Structure formats: C-alpha cells, structure tokens
Amino acid sequence: MARHLLVVRHGIAESRESFALLGRNDEHRPLTIDGRRRMKQGVAGLHTMVSDPGELWSSSLTRAVQTAELLALEYDRPSHETDVLRPEARPEAWLDWFRGIRSDDVCIVGHDPHLSSLITWLLAGEFRPAVELKKGGVAMLEFSADGPAASRGAVLNWMVTPAQLRTLGS
C-alpha cells in the first residue's frame, strides 16, 4: 500500500513587520481573522477531496498550530507538533521523522519556503523550491510501498490553491 503525504501551508497570518513593531517573537504570530475564516472554508473544501488525512502534525509556530487546529476540528482528530516542520528544519531531519511514523497517511502543516523546498526535494532531490505553495494551499504526495520514503521518491498527485479549496468549501 502506498503512503500519502498531505502538505498544508498555514493560513494568512498577521504581518511580520507589524508584529515585530509590537516587540513580539515571530513564532507567536497568529492567523488573522480573515485568514482563519478563509482557512476554515478551505479546510471544508479539502474535506470534499480527502476523506481521511491520517495523522495530523504541525510546526510549533502559532500560525501553523492554529491552521492544524482547524483541520483537527474538521476531521475530528488530534493534532500534534514537531520541530521538523519548523521553517529552519533540514529536509533530512524531516525524512528521518517521517520514516518513523507508522501511519500510511500523514498530514503536515508548516511554512514556506520550507514546505515548497521540501516538496521539491522529495520530488526531484533539489533543495531550491520549484513549486510554490500559497498560504492555505495544499499538495498531495505519494510514496511507493516498495521502499522507504526518500528524496526523489515522491510523486505529486495534485496541488490546489487556497481559492480552489474555498470554492469547493462553499
């Protein structure tokens, strides 16, 4: 049986610059009210495409955690945090972590350019991003059941924009 990886970029968050002016750490930057509303509608659209995303994991940064919480609510499952989805994490660390997950289906929530770079690395073995995952966008990757997940071992099944998801969710 193939393994599936659902990759979700967090929703629209407060402006980095405005948040910094308040003297707050970027790790705590939350989704905007509109970002939360749009993400909730996008998650409803995603549910029309994916009935079960599997285990749900996110970066520990507030905007990713809040996005994962919307997914957890929609799919009625817990979400977990991991440091391998933080923006500065190395793809090799993520891959070691992913190989240790027992579930065949995994959903991850994180940040860009980290996620776009990770997707490109999993598809082509390149570290510079060749795809662009918009805020609230989603990609579905598949790994063969014949061997362990590896760089250049994934196939991109589909990728949708946040606007497409919101259309499906309305």
N, C-alpha and C. Protein backbone atom coordinates (compact mmCIF):
# COMPACT_ATOMS: atom_id res chain seq x y z
N MET A 1 0.84 -1.18 0.00
CA MET A 1 0.00 0.00 0.00
C MET A 1 0.89 1.25 0.00
N ALA A 2 0.56 2.21 -0.82
CA ALA A 2 1.33 3.45 -0.90
C ALA A 2 1.10 4.32 0.32
N ARG A 3 2.07 5.17 0.61
CA ARG A 3 1.94 6.16 1.69
C ARG A 3 1.58 7.49 1.07
N HIS A 4 0.71 8.24 1.75
CA HIS A 4 0.29 9.55 1.26
C HIS A 4 0.70 10.63 2.24
N LEU A 5 1.15 11.73 1.69
CA LEU A 5 1.55 12.89 2.49
C LEU A 5 0.76 14.09 2.00
N LEU A 6 -0.08 14.63 2.87
CA LEU A 6 -0.84 15.83 2.58
C LEU A 6 -0.07 17.00 3.18
N VAL A 7 0.34 17.94 2.34
CA VAL A 7 1.17 19.06 2.77
C VAL A 7 0.30 20.33 2.74
N VAL A 8 0.17 20.99 3.88
CA VAL A 8 -0.68 22.17 4.01
C VAL A 8 0.16 23.34 4.51
N ARG A 9 0.11 24.45 3.78
CA ARG A 9 0.77 25.66 4.27
C ARG A 9 -0.23 26.41 5.14
N HIS A 10 0.26 26.97 6.24
CA HIS A 10 -0.60 27.70 7.17
C HIS A 10 -1.37 28.81 6.45
N GLY A 11 -2.46 29.24 7.06
CA GLY A 11 -3.28 30.32 6.51
C GLY A 11 -2.62 31.68 6.66
N ILE A 12 -3.33 32.70 6.23
CA ILE A 12 -2.82 34.08 6.26
C ILE A 12 -2.64 34.53 7.71
N ALA A 13 -1.43 34.98 8.02
CA ALA A 13 -1.09 35.41 9.38
C ALA A 13 -0.91 36.92 9.44
N GLU A 14 -0.84 37.42 10.66
CA GLU A 14 -0.55 38.84 10.87
C GLU A 14 0.75 39.21 10.15
N SER A 15 0.86 40.45 9.78
CA SER A 15 2.06 40.95 9.10
C SER A 15 3.29 40.78 9.99
N ARG A 16 4.34 40.24 9.41
CA ARG A 16 5.60 40.04 10.15
C ARG A 16 6.12 41.37 10.68
N GLU A 17 6.09 42.40 9.83
CA GLU A 17 6.61 43.71 10.20
C GLU A 17 5.80 44.35 11.33
N SER A 18 4.47 44.32 11.21
CA SER A 18 3.61 44.90 12.24
C SER A 18 3.77 44.16 13.56
N PHE A 19 3.88 42.86 13.50
CA PHE A 19 4.03 42.05 14.70
C PHE A 19 5.36 42.35 15.38
N ALA A 20 6.41 42.54 14.57
CA ALA A 20 7.73 42.86 15.12
C ALA A 20 7.73 44.22 15.81
N LEU A 21 6.97 45.17 15.27
CA LEU A 21 6.88 46.50 15.89
C LEU A 21 6.30 46.43 17.31
N LEU A 22 5.51 45.41 17.57
CA LEU A 22 4.94 45.21 18.91
C LEU A 22 5.95 44.57 19.86
N GLY A 23 7.13 44.20 19.32
CA GLY A 23 8.16 43.58 20.13
C GLY A 23 7.90 42.12 20.43
N ARG A 24 7.04 41.49 19.64
CA ARG A 24 6.68 40.09 19.87
C ARG A 24 7.50 39.18 18.98
N ASN A 25 7.78 37.99 19.47
CA ASN A 25 8.53 36.98 18.74
C ASN A 25 7.69 36.45 17.58
N ASP A 26 8.30 36.32 16.41
CA ASP A 26 7.60 35.86 15.21
C ASP A 26 6.96 34.49 15.39
N GLU A 27 7.51 33.67 16.26
CA GLU A 27 6.94 32.33 16.50
C GLU A 27 5.50 32.40 16.98
N HIS A 28 5.13 33.52 17.60
CA HIS A 28 3.79 33.67 18.18
C HIS A 28 2.82 34.40 17.25
N ARG A 29 3.24 34.70 16.04
CA ARG A 29 2.39 35.44 15.10
C ARG A 29 1.19 34.59 14.70
N PRO A 30 -0.04 35.08 14.98
CA PRO A 30 -1.23 34.27 14.73
C PRO A 30 -1.83 34.50 13.34
N LEU A 31 -2.80 33.67 13.02
CA LEU A 31 -3.60 33.89 11.82
C LEU A 31 -4.43 35.16 12.02
N THR A 32 -4.71 35.85 10.95
CA THR A 32 -5.63 36.99 11.02
C THR A 32 -7.05 36.43 11.13
N ILE A 33 -7.99 37.30 11.46
CA ILE A 33 -9.40 36.89 11.49
C ILE A 33 -9.82 36.41 10.10
N ASP A 34 -9.44 37.17 9.07
CA ASP A 34 -9.77 36.78 7.70
C ASP A 34 -9.02 35.50 7.31
N GLY A 35 -7.79 35.37 7.74
CA GLY A 35 -7.00 34.17 7.46
C GLY A 35 -7.64 32.93 8.06
N ARG A 36 -8.15 33.08 9.26
CA ARG A 36 -8.84 31.96 9.93
C ARG A 36 -10.13 31.61 9.18
N ARG A 37 -10.90 32.64 8.78
CA ARG A 37 -12.15 32.42 8.05
C ARG A 37 -11.89 31.71 6.73
N ARG A 38 -10.89 32.22 5.98
CA ARG A 38 -10.56 31.62 4.69
C ARG A 38 -10.05 30.18 4.84
N MET A 39 -9.23 29.97 5.86
CA MET A 39 -8.67 28.64 6.08
C MET A 39 -9.77 27.66 6.46
N LYS A 40 -10.71 28.10 7.28
CA LYS A 40 -11.82 27.23 7.68
C LYS A 40 -12.63 26.80 6.45
N GLN A 41 -12.87 27.75 5.55
CA GLN A 41 -13.60 27.43 4.31
C GLN A 41 -12.76 26.51 3.42
N GLY A 42 -11.45 26.76 3.35
CA GLY A 42 -10.56 25.91 2.57
C GLY A 42 -10.49 24.50 3.10
N VAL A 43 -10.47 24.36 4.42
CA VAL A 43 -10.43 23.04 5.03
C VAL A 43 -11.72 22.27 4.72
N ALA A 44 -12.85 22.97 4.70
CA ALA A 44 -14.12 22.33 4.32
C ALA A 44 -14.03 21.84 2.87
N GLY A 45 -13.42 22.63 2.00
CA GLY A 45 -13.21 22.22 0.61
C GLY A 45 -12.28 21.03 0.51
N LEU A 46 -11.23 21.04 1.31
CA LEU A 46 -10.29 19.92 1.33
C LEU A 46 -11.01 18.62 1.71
N HIS A 47 -11.93 18.73 2.64
CA HIS A 47 -12.67 17.55 3.10
C HIS A 47 -13.47 16.91 1.96
N THR A 48 -13.84 17.68 0.95
CA THR A 48 -14.54 17.10 -0.20
C THR A 48 -13.58 16.29 -1.07
N MET A 49 -12.29 16.55 -0.94
CA MET A 49 -11.28 15.84 -1.73
C MET A 49 -10.62 14.71 -0.96
N VAL A 50 -10.44 14.89 0.34
CA VAL A 50 -9.72 13.94 1.18
C VAL A 50 -10.61 13.58 2.37
N SER A 51 -11.07 12.36 2.41
CA SER A 51 -11.97 11.97 3.50
C SER A 51 -11.23 11.71 4.80
N ASP A 52 -9.98 11.26 4.70
CA ASP A 52 -9.19 10.97 5.90
C ASP A 52 -7.73 11.34 5.65
N PRO A 53 -7.26 12.42 6.28
CA PRO A 53 -5.88 12.85 6.04
C PRO A 53 -4.83 12.06 6.81
N GLY A 54 -5.25 11.18 7.69
CA GLY A 54 -4.30 10.42 8.51
C GLY A 54 -3.86 11.22 9.72
N GLU A 55 -2.69 10.89 10.22
CA GLU A 55 -2.15 11.61 11.38
C GLU A 55 -1.91 13.06 11.01
N LEU A 56 -2.19 13.96 11.94
CA LEU A 56 -2.08 15.39 11.71
C LEU A 56 -0.96 15.98 12.57
N TRP A 57 0.03 16.59 11.88
CA TRP A 57 1.20 17.16 12.54
C TRP A 57 1.42 18.59 12.06
N SER A 58 1.93 19.43 12.95
CA SER A 58 2.25 20.81 12.55
C SER A 58 3.53 21.28 13.21
N SER A 59 4.04 22.36 12.66
CA SER A 59 5.11 23.11 13.29
C SER A 59 4.57 23.65 14.61
N SER A 60 5.45 24.01 15.51
CA SER A 60 5.02 24.57 16.80
C SER A 60 4.76 26.07 16.74
N LEU A 61 4.98 26.71 15.59
CA LEU A 61 4.70 28.14 15.48
C LEU A 61 3.19 28.37 15.47
N THR A 62 2.75 29.42 16.13
CA THR A 62 1.33 29.66 16.38
C THR A 62 0.47 29.57 15.13
N ARG A 63 0.89 30.19 14.03
CA ARG A 63 0.05 30.20 12.83
C ARG A 63 -0.15 28.80 12.25
N ALA A 64 0.85 27.94 12.36
CA ALA A 64 0.71 26.56 11.90
C ALA A 64 -0.16 25.76 12.86
N VAL A 65 0.02 25.96 14.16
CA VAL A 65 -0.79 25.27 15.15
C VAL A 65 -2.26 25.64 14.97
N GLN A 66 -2.55 26.93 14.74
CA GLN A 66 -3.93 27.37 14.55
C GLN A 66 -4.53 26.76 13.28
N THR A 67 -3.74 26.64 12.23
CA THR A 67 -4.20 26.01 10.99
C THR A 67 -4.48 24.53 11.24
N ALA A 68 -3.58 23.86 11.95
CA ALA A 68 -3.77 22.43 12.27
C ALA A 68 -5.02 22.24 13.14
N GLU A 69 -5.29 23.19 14.02
CA GLU A 69 -6.49 23.09 14.86
C GLU A 69 -7.76 23.12 14.01
N LEU A 70 -7.76 23.92 12.94
CA LEU A 70 -8.92 23.96 12.04
C LEU A 70 -9.08 22.62 11.32
N LEU A 71 -7.97 22.02 10.91
CA LEU A 71 -8.01 20.70 10.30
C LEU A 71 -8.50 19.65 11.31
N ALA A 72 -7.99 19.72 12.53
CA ALA A 72 -8.37 18.77 13.57
C ALA A 72 -9.87 18.84 13.85
N LEU A 73 -10.40 20.04 13.87
CA LEU A 73 -11.83 20.24 14.10
C LEU A 73 -12.65 19.65 12.96
N GLU A 74 -12.24 19.94 11.74
CA GLU A 74 -12.96 19.45 10.56
C GLU A 74 -12.93 17.92 10.47
N TYR A 75 -11.79 17.33 10.79
CA TYR A 75 -11.63 15.88 10.63
C TYR A 75 -11.82 15.10 11.95
N ASP A 76 -12.12 15.83 13.03
CA ASP A 76 -12.36 15.21 14.33
C ASP A 76 -11.22 14.28 14.74
N ARG A 77 -10.04 14.86 14.83
CA ARG A 77 -8.85 14.10 15.23
C ARG A 77 -7.88 15.04 15.95
N PRO A 78 -6.98 14.49 16.74
CA PRO A 78 -6.00 15.34 17.42
C PRO A 78 -4.91 15.80 16.46
N SER A 79 -4.31 16.91 16.80
CA SER A 79 -3.13 17.35 16.06
C SER A 79 -1.94 17.33 17.02
N HIS A 80 -0.76 17.15 16.43
CA HIS A 80 0.47 17.06 17.21
C HIS A 80 1.47 18.05 16.62
N GLU A 81 2.46 18.41 17.42
CA GLU A 81 3.50 19.34 16.96
C GLU A 81 4.84 18.61 16.86
N THR A 82 5.66 19.07 15.91
CA THR A 82 7.00 18.53 15.76
C THR A 82 7.94 19.63 15.27
N ASP A 83 9.15 19.61 15.75
CA ASP A 83 10.16 20.60 15.35
C ASP A 83 10.65 20.40 13.91
N VAL A 84 10.43 19.23 13.32
CA VAL A 84 10.91 19.01 11.95
C VAL A 84 10.09 19.80 10.92
N LEU A 85 9.01 20.44 11.37
CA LEU A 85 8.21 21.29 10.47
C LEU A 85 8.46 22.78 10.70
N ARG A 86 9.39 23.10 11.57
CA ARG A 86 9.76 24.50 11.78
C ARG A 86 10.47 25.01 10.53
N PRO A 87 10.40 26.29 10.24
CA PRO A 87 10.96 26.83 8.99
C PRO A 87 12.45 26.54 8.79
N GLU A 88 13.22 26.43 9.87
CA GLU A 88 14.66 26.24 9.73
C GLU A 88 15.08 24.76 9.69
N ALA A 89 14.12 23.85 9.78
CA ALA A 89 14.45 22.42 9.84
C ALA A 89 15.01 21.91 8.51
N ARG A 90 15.92 20.98 8.60
CA ARG A 90 16.55 20.37 7.41
C ARG A 90 15.66 19.26 6.86
N PRO A 91 15.58 19.10 5.55
CA PRO A 91 14.76 18.05 4.96
C PRO A 91 15.14 16.64 5.43
N GLU A 92 16.43 16.41 5.66
CA GLU A 92 16.86 15.09 6.11
C GLU A 92 16.27 14.75 7.48
N ALA A 93 16.17 15.75 8.35
CA ALA A 93 15.58 15.53 9.67
C ALA A 93 14.10 15.19 9.52
N TRP A 94 13.43 15.90 8.61
CA TRP A 94 12.02 15.61 8.36
C TRP A 94 11.86 14.17 7.84
N LEU A 95 12.71 13.77 6.91
CA LEU A 95 12.61 12.44 6.32
C LEU A 95 12.82 11.35 7.37
N ASP A 96 13.79 11.52 8.25
CA ASP A 96 14.01 10.55 9.34
C ASP A 96 12.76 10.46 10.21
N TRP A 97 12.18 11.62 10.53
CA TRP A 97 10.96 11.66 11.34
C TRP A 97 9.81 10.95 10.61
N PHE A 98 9.62 11.25 9.33
CA PHE A 98 8.52 10.68 8.54
C PHE A 98 8.64 9.16 8.45
N ARG A 99 9.85 8.68 8.30
CA ARG A 99 10.06 7.23 8.22
C ARG A 99 9.65 6.54 9.51
N GLY A 100 9.69 7.26 10.63
CA GLY A 100 9.31 6.70 11.92
C GLY A 100 7.81 6.73 12.19
N ILE A 101 7.05 7.45 11.38
CA ILE A 101 5.59 7.50 11.54
C ILE A 101 5.01 6.20 11.00
N ARG A 102 4.18 5.57 11.76
CA ARG A 102 3.63 4.27 11.36
C ARG A 102 2.43 4.38 10.42
N SER A 103 1.73 5.49 10.46
CA SER A 103 0.53 5.66 9.64
C SER A 103 0.88 5.75 8.16
N ASP A 104 0.05 5.17 7.30
CA ASP A 104 0.25 5.28 5.86
C ASP A 104 -0.11 6.67 5.33
N ASP A 105 -0.99 7.37 6.04
CA ASP A 105 -1.43 8.70 5.63
C ASP A 105 -1.06 9.71 6.70
N VAL A 106 -0.38 10.77 6.27
CA VAL A 106 0.08 11.81 7.20
C VAL A 106 -0.22 13.17 6.59
N CYS A 107 -0.70 14.07 7.42
CA CYS A 107 -0.94 15.46 7.02
C CYS A 107 -0.01 16.35 7.83
N ILE A 108 0.74 17.21 7.13
CA ILE A 108 1.66 18.13 7.82
C ILE A 108 1.27 19.57 7.51
N VAL A 109 1.45 20.44 8.50
CA VAL A 109 1.16 21.87 8.36
C VAL A 109 2.43 22.63 8.71
N GLY A 110 2.85 23.50 7.81
CA GLY A 110 4.08 24.24 8.06
C GLY A 110 4.14 25.55 7.32
N HIS A 111 5.35 25.93 6.92
CA HIS A 111 5.67 27.27 6.44
C HIS A 111 6.42 27.22 5.11
N ASP A 112 6.44 28.35 4.44
CA ASP A 112 7.23 28.46 3.23
C ASP A 112 8.37 29.44 3.48
N PRO A 113 9.49 29.29 2.82
CA PRO A 113 9.75 28.40 1.69
C PRO A 113 10.08 26.95 2.10
N HIS A 114 10.03 26.65 3.40
CA HIS A 114 10.37 25.31 3.87
C HIS A 114 9.56 24.21 3.17
N LEU A 115 8.23 24.36 3.13
CA LEU A 115 7.41 23.30 2.54
C LEU A 115 7.61 23.17 1.04
N SER A 116 7.72 24.30 0.33
CA SER A 116 7.97 24.23 -1.12
C SER A 116 9.32 23.57 -1.40
N SER A 117 10.31 23.89 -0.59
CA SER A 117 11.63 23.25 -0.74
C SER A 117 11.55 21.76 -0.42
N LEU A 118 10.80 21.41 0.62
CA LEU A 118 10.65 20.01 1.00
C LEU A 118 9.96 19.22 -0.12
N ILE A 119 8.89 19.78 -0.67
CA ILE A 119 8.18 19.12 -1.77
C ILE A 119 9.13 18.89 -2.94
N THR A 120 9.86 19.93 -3.34
CA THR A 120 10.79 19.82 -4.46
C THR A 120 11.86 18.78 -4.18
N TRP A 121 12.38 18.76 -2.97
CA TRP A 121 13.41 17.80 -2.59
C TRP A 121 12.87 16.37 -2.64
N LEU A 122 11.63 16.19 -2.18
CA LEU A 122 11.03 14.85 -2.21
C LEU A 122 10.72 14.40 -3.63
N LEU A 123 10.41 15.35 -4.52
CA LEU A 123 10.10 15.01 -5.91
C LEU A 123 11.34 14.86 -6.77
N ALA A 124 12.30 15.79 -6.61
CA ALA A 124 13.41 15.88 -7.56
C ALA A 124 14.80 15.85 -6.94
N GLY A 125 14.89 15.86 -5.63
CA GLY A 125 16.20 15.83 -4.99
C GLY A 125 16.89 17.18 -4.96
N GLU A 126 16.19 18.24 -5.33
CA GLU A 126 16.75 19.60 -5.34
C GLU A 126 16.30 20.36 -4.10
N PHE A 127 17.19 21.21 -3.55
CA PHE A 127 16.83 21.97 -2.36
C PHE A 127 16.14 23.30 -2.68
N ARG A 128 16.33 23.82 -3.87
CA ARG A 128 15.66 25.10 -4.14
C ARG A 128 14.27 24.82 -4.67
N PRO A 129 13.27 25.58 -4.17
CA PRO A 129 11.88 25.27 -4.50
C PRO A 129 11.56 25.45 -5.99
N ALA A 130 10.90 24.45 -6.55
CA ALA A 130 10.44 24.51 -7.94
C ALA A 130 8.91 24.58 -7.98
N VAL A 131 8.29 24.52 -6.82
CA VAL A 131 6.85 24.68 -6.70
C VAL A 131 6.59 25.80 -5.70
N GLU A 132 5.41 26.39 -5.77
CA GLU A 132 5.06 27.43 -4.81
C GLU A 132 3.75 27.06 -4.14
N LEU A 133 3.82 26.82 -2.86
CA LEU A 133 2.64 26.51 -2.07
C LEU A 133 2.15 27.80 -1.43
N LYS A 134 1.03 28.30 -1.91
CA LYS A 134 0.46 29.55 -1.38
C LYS A 134 -0.04 29.34 0.05
N LYS A 135 -0.22 30.44 0.79
CA LYS A 135 -0.77 30.35 2.15
C LYS A 135 -2.15 29.73 2.07
N GLY A 136 -2.32 28.61 2.78
CA GLY A 136 -3.59 27.89 2.74
C GLY A 136 -3.66 26.87 1.61
N GLY A 137 -2.61 26.77 0.80
CA GLY A 137 -2.58 25.80 -0.30
C GLY A 137 -2.24 24.41 0.21
N VAL A 138 -2.54 23.41 -0.63
CA VAL A 138 -2.35 22.01 -0.24
C VAL A 138 -1.78 21.22 -1.41
N ALA A 139 -0.89 20.28 -1.09
CA ALA A 139 -0.36 19.34 -2.09
C ALA A 139 -0.48 17.93 -1.54
N MET A 140 -0.73 16.98 -2.43
CA MET A 140 -0.79 15.56 -2.05
C MET A 140 0.34 14.83 -2.74
N LEU A 141 1.22 14.25 -1.93
CA LEU A 141 2.33 13.46 -2.45
C LEU A 141 2.10 11.99 -2.11
N GLU A 142 2.69 11.13 -2.93
CA GLU A 142 2.56 9.70 -2.70
C GLU A 142 3.94 9.06 -2.78
N PHE A 143 4.16 8.11 -1.88
CA PHE A 143 5.40 7.34 -1.86
C PHE A 143 5.05 5.89 -2.13
N SER A 144 5.89 5.21 -2.87
CA SER A 144 5.68 3.81 -3.20
C SER A 144 5.75 2.95 -1.96
N ALA A 145 4.98 1.89 -1.96
CA ALA A 145 5.02 0.95 -0.84
C ALA A 145 6.23 0.02 -0.94
N ASP A 146 6.95 0.08 -2.07
CA ASP A 146 8.07 -0.84 -2.30
C ASP A 146 9.32 -0.52 -1.48
N GLY A 147 9.43 0.70 -1.00
CA GLY A 147 10.62 1.07 -0.26
C GLY A 147 10.35 2.23 0.68
N PRO A 148 11.35 2.63 1.44
CA PRO A 148 11.16 3.75 2.37
C PRO A 148 11.05 5.07 1.63
N ALA A 149 10.38 6.02 2.25
CA ALA A 149 10.30 7.37 1.68
C ALA A 149 11.71 7.91 1.52
N ALA A 150 11.96 8.60 0.41
CA ALA A 150 13.30 9.11 0.13
C ALA A 150 13.23 10.35 -0.73
N SER A 151 14.33 11.10 -0.73
CA SER A 151 14.46 12.20 -1.67
C SER A 151 14.35 11.62 -3.08
N ARG A 152 13.62 12.27 -3.94
CA ARG A 152 13.31 11.82 -5.29
C ARG A 152 12.43 10.56 -5.29
N GLY A 153 11.78 10.28 -4.15
CA GLY A 153 10.95 9.09 -4.06
C GLY A 153 9.46 9.37 -4.08
N ALA A 154 9.08 10.64 -4.18
CA ALA A 154 7.67 11.00 -4.14
C ALA A 154 7.12 11.30 -5.52
N VAL A 155 5.82 11.18 -5.63
CA VAL A 155 5.08 11.57 -6.83
C VAL A 155 4.06 12.61 -6.39
N LEU A 156 3.94 13.68 -7.14
CA LEU A 156 2.94 14.72 -6.85
C LEU A 156 1.62 14.27 -7.47
N ASN A 157 0.65 13.93 -6.61
CA ASN A 157 -0.67 13.53 -7.12
C ASN A 157 -1.49 14.74 -7.54
N TRP A 158 -1.47 15.79 -6.72
CA TRP A 158 -2.17 17.02 -7.06
C TRP A 158 -1.73 18.14 -6.13
N MET A 159 -2.04 19.35 -6.56
CA MET A 159 -1.73 20.56 -5.78
C MET A 159 -2.86 21.55 -6.06
N VAL A 160 -3.43 22.12 -5.00
CA VAL A 160 -4.54 23.06 -5.18
C VAL A 160 -4.25 24.36 -4.45
N THR A 161 -4.79 25.43 -5.00
CA THR A 161 -4.61 26.75 -4.41
C THR A 161 -5.67 26.94 -3.32
N PRO A 162 -5.45 27.92 -2.45
CA PRO A 162 -6.44 28.20 -1.43
C PRO A 162 -7.78 28.63 -2.06
N ALA A 163 -7.75 29.38 -3.14
CA ALA A 163 -9.00 29.81 -3.78
C ALA A 163 -9.79 28.60 -4.30
N GLN A 164 -9.10 27.64 -4.87
CA GLN A 164 -9.79 26.43 -5.33
C GLN A 164 -10.42 25.68 -4.18
N LEU A 165 -9.72 25.59 -3.06
CA LEU A 165 -10.27 24.91 -1.89
C LEU A 165 -11.49 25.64 -1.35
N ARG A 166 -11.42 26.97 -1.28
CA ARG A 166 -12.55 27.75 -0.78
C ARG A 166 -13.76 27.57 -1.69
N THR A 167 -13.55 27.50 -3.00
CA THR A 167 -14.66 27.27 -3.92
C THR A 167 -15.32 25.93 -3.63
N LEU A 168 -14.51 24.90 -3.40
CA LEU A 168 -15.05 23.59 -3.07
C LEU A 168 -15.78 23.60 -1.73
N GLY A 169 -15.34 24.48 -0.81
CA GLY A 169 -15.91 24.52 0.52
C GLY A 169 -17.15 25.39 0.66
N SER A 170 -17.51 26.08 -0.43
CA SER A 170 -18.68 26.97 -0.30
C SER A 170 -19.96 26.32 -0.77
